[in-house]
């Protein structure tokens, strides 16, 4: 499986962004893309925060995780 690459603060920020994007999607004054895009962003932020793995971080080699998961026992 993938190693976690998000730290606690990073995951907390993503949860906050999930709430923000969710509210924007719910109360957008216009329909269509003004609701779909924030809703998709909210889902992506929620999933990456829950799993602790960000695909873009893997692509660019970023790791904000506090714990070294490479030495963890199985």
C-alpha atoms as a PDB file:
ATOM      1  CA  UNK A   1       0.000   0.000   0.000  1.00  0.00           C
ATOM      2  CA  UNK A   2       1.025   3.640  -0.099  1.00  0.00           C
ATOM      3  CA  UNK A   3       2.965   5.293   2.710  1.00  0.00           C
ATOM      4  CA  UNK A   4       1.332   8.233   4.425  1.00  0.00           C
ATOM      5  CA  UNK A   5       2.736  11.549   3.275  1.00  0.00           C
ATOM      6  CA  UNK A   6       0.477  13.996   5.141  1.00  0.00           C
ATOM      7  CA  UNK A   7       1.140  15.310   8.616  1.00  0.00           C
ATOM      8  CA  UNK A   8      -1.465  16.052  11.271  1.00  0.00           C
ATOM      9  CA  UNK A   9      -1.633  19.785  10.528  1.00  0.00           C
ATOM     10  CA  UNK A  10      -1.937  19.090   6.807  1.00  0.00           C
ATOM     11  CA  UNK A  11      -4.829  16.698   7.411  1.00  0.00           C
ATOM     12  CA  UNK A  12      -6.566  19.192   9.713  1.00  0.00           C
ATOM     13  CA  UNK A  13      -6.296  21.900   7.054  1.00  0.00           C
ATOM     14  CA  UNK A  14      -7.806  19.526   4.503  1.00  0.00           C
ATOM     15  CA  UNK A  15     -10.763  18.840   6.828  1.00  0.00           C
ATOM     16  CA  UNK A  16     -11.307  22.592   7.114  1.00  0.00           C
ATOM     17  CA  UNK A  17     -11.146  22.955   3.340  1.00  0.00           C
ATOM     18  CA  UNK A  18     -13.667  20.125   3.028  1.00  0.00           C
ATOM     19  CA  UNK A  19     -16.126  22.110   5.134  1.00  0.00           C
ATOM     20  CA  UNK A  20     -15.436  25.305   3.184  1.00  0.00           C
ATOM     21  CA  UNK A  21     -15.842  23.693  -0.239  1.00  0.00           C
ATOM     22  CA  UNK A  22     -18.917  21.819   0.950  1.00  0.00           C
ATOM     23  CA  UNK A  23     -20.584  25.044   2.071  1.00  0.00           C
ATOM     24  CA  UNK A  24     -19.679  26.753  -1.181  1.00  0.00           C
ATOM     25  CA  UNK A  25     -21.194  23.853  -3.119  1.00  0.00           C
ATOM     26  CA  UNK A  26     -24.385  23.960  -1.053  1.00  0.00           C
ATOM     27  CA  UNK A  27     -24.923  27.707  -1.167  1.00  0.00           C
ATOM     28  CA  UNK A  28     -23.485  28.684  -4.554  1.00  0.00           C
ATOM     29  CA  UNK A  29     -25.648  31.402  -6.102  1.00  0.00           C
ATOM     30  CA  UNK A  30     -25.444  29.799  -9.529  1.00  0.00           C
ATOM     31  CA  UNK A  31     -25.913  26.167 -10.455  1.00  0.00           C
ATOM     32  CA  UNK A  32     -23.846  23.966 -12.695  1.00  0.00           C
ATOM     33  CA  UNK A  33     -20.076  24.161 -12.398  1.00  0.00           C
ATOM     34  CA  UNK A  34     -20.315  26.596  -9.464  1.00  0.00           C
ATOM     35  CA  UNK A  35     -21.656  23.684  -7.416  1.00  0.00           C
ATOM     36  CA  UNK A  36     -19.952  20.701  -9.046  1.00  0.00           C
ATOM     37  CA  UNK A  37     -16.344  21.888  -8.808  1.00  0.00           C
ATOM     38  CA  UNK A  38     -16.420  22.774  -5.076  1.00  0.00           C
ATOM     39  CA  UNK A  39     -18.275  19.529  -4.353  1.00  0.00           C
ATOM     40  CA  UNK A  40     -15.578  17.508  -6.137  1.00  0.00           C
ATOM     41  CA  UNK A  41     -12.846  19.427  -4.327  1.00  0.00           C
ATOM     42  CA  UNK A  42     -14.580  18.716  -1.011  1.00  0.00           C
ATOM     43  CA  UNK A  43     -14.680  14.987  -1.766  1.00  0.00           C
ATOM     44  CA  UNK A  44     -11.011  14.926  -2.796  1.00  0.00           C
ATOM     45  CA  UNK A  45      -9.951  16.827   0.338  1.00  0.00           C
ATOM     46  CA  UNK A  46     -11.994  14.522   2.565  1.00  0.00           C
ATOM     47  CA  UNK A  47     -10.608  11.330   1.019  1.00  0.00           C
ATOM     48  CA  UNK A  48      -6.983  12.477   1.107  1.00  0.00           C
ATOM     49  CA  UNK A  49      -7.363  13.632   4.728  1.00  0.00           C
ATOM     50  CA  UNK A  50      -8.963  10.341   5.759  1.00  0.00           C
ATOM     51  CA  UNK A  51      -6.377   8.170   4.035  1.00  0.00           C
ATOM     52  CA  UNK A  52      -3.356  10.390   4.750  1.00  0.00           C
ATOM     53  CA  UNK A  53      -1.996  10.058   1.237  1.00  0.00           C
ATOM     54  CA  UNK A  54      -1.919  12.841  -1.354  1.00  0.00           C
ATOM     55  CA  UNK A  55      -1.165  11.764  -4.941  1.00  0.00           C
ATOM     56  CA  UNK A  56       0.245  15.196  -5.810  1.00  0.00           C
ATOM     57  CA  UNK A  57       2.618  14.979  -2.855  1.00  0.00           C
ATOM     58  CA  UNK A  58       3.854  11.619  -4.173  1.00  0.00           C
ATOM     59  CA  UNK A  59       4.345  13.115  -7.633  1.00  0.00           C
ATOM     60  CA  UNK A  60       6.470  15.988  -6.320  1.00  0.00           C
ATOM     61  CA  UNK A  61       8.186  14.026  -3.525  1.00  0.00           C
ATOM     62  CA  UNK A  62       6.648  16.039  -0.674  1.00  0.00           C
ATOM     63  CA  UNK A  63       6.202  14.449   2.738  1.00  0.00           C
ATOM     64  CA  UNK A  64       4.725  16.358   5.705  1.00  0.00           C
ATOM     65  CA  UNK A  65       4.150  13.244   7.826  1.00  0.00           C
ATOM     66  CA  UNK A  66       5.582  13.536  11.345  1.00  0.00           C
ATOM     67  CA  UNK A  67       6.229   9.816  11.798  1.00  0.00           C
ATOM     68  CA  UNK A  68       8.634   7.774   9.688  1.00  0.00           C
ATOM     69  CA  UNK A  69       6.274   5.076   8.375  1.00  0.00           C
ATOM     70  CA  UNK A  70       9.017   3.276   6.436  1.00  0.00           C
ATOM     71  CA  UNK A  71      10.296   1.655   9.667  1.00  0.00           C
ATOM     72  CA  UNK A  72       6.871   0.677  10.984  1.00  0.00           C
ATOM     73  CA  UNK A  73       6.366  -3.005  11.670  1.00  0.00           C
ATOM     74  CA  UNK A  74       3.667  -4.931   9.904  1.00  0.00           C
END
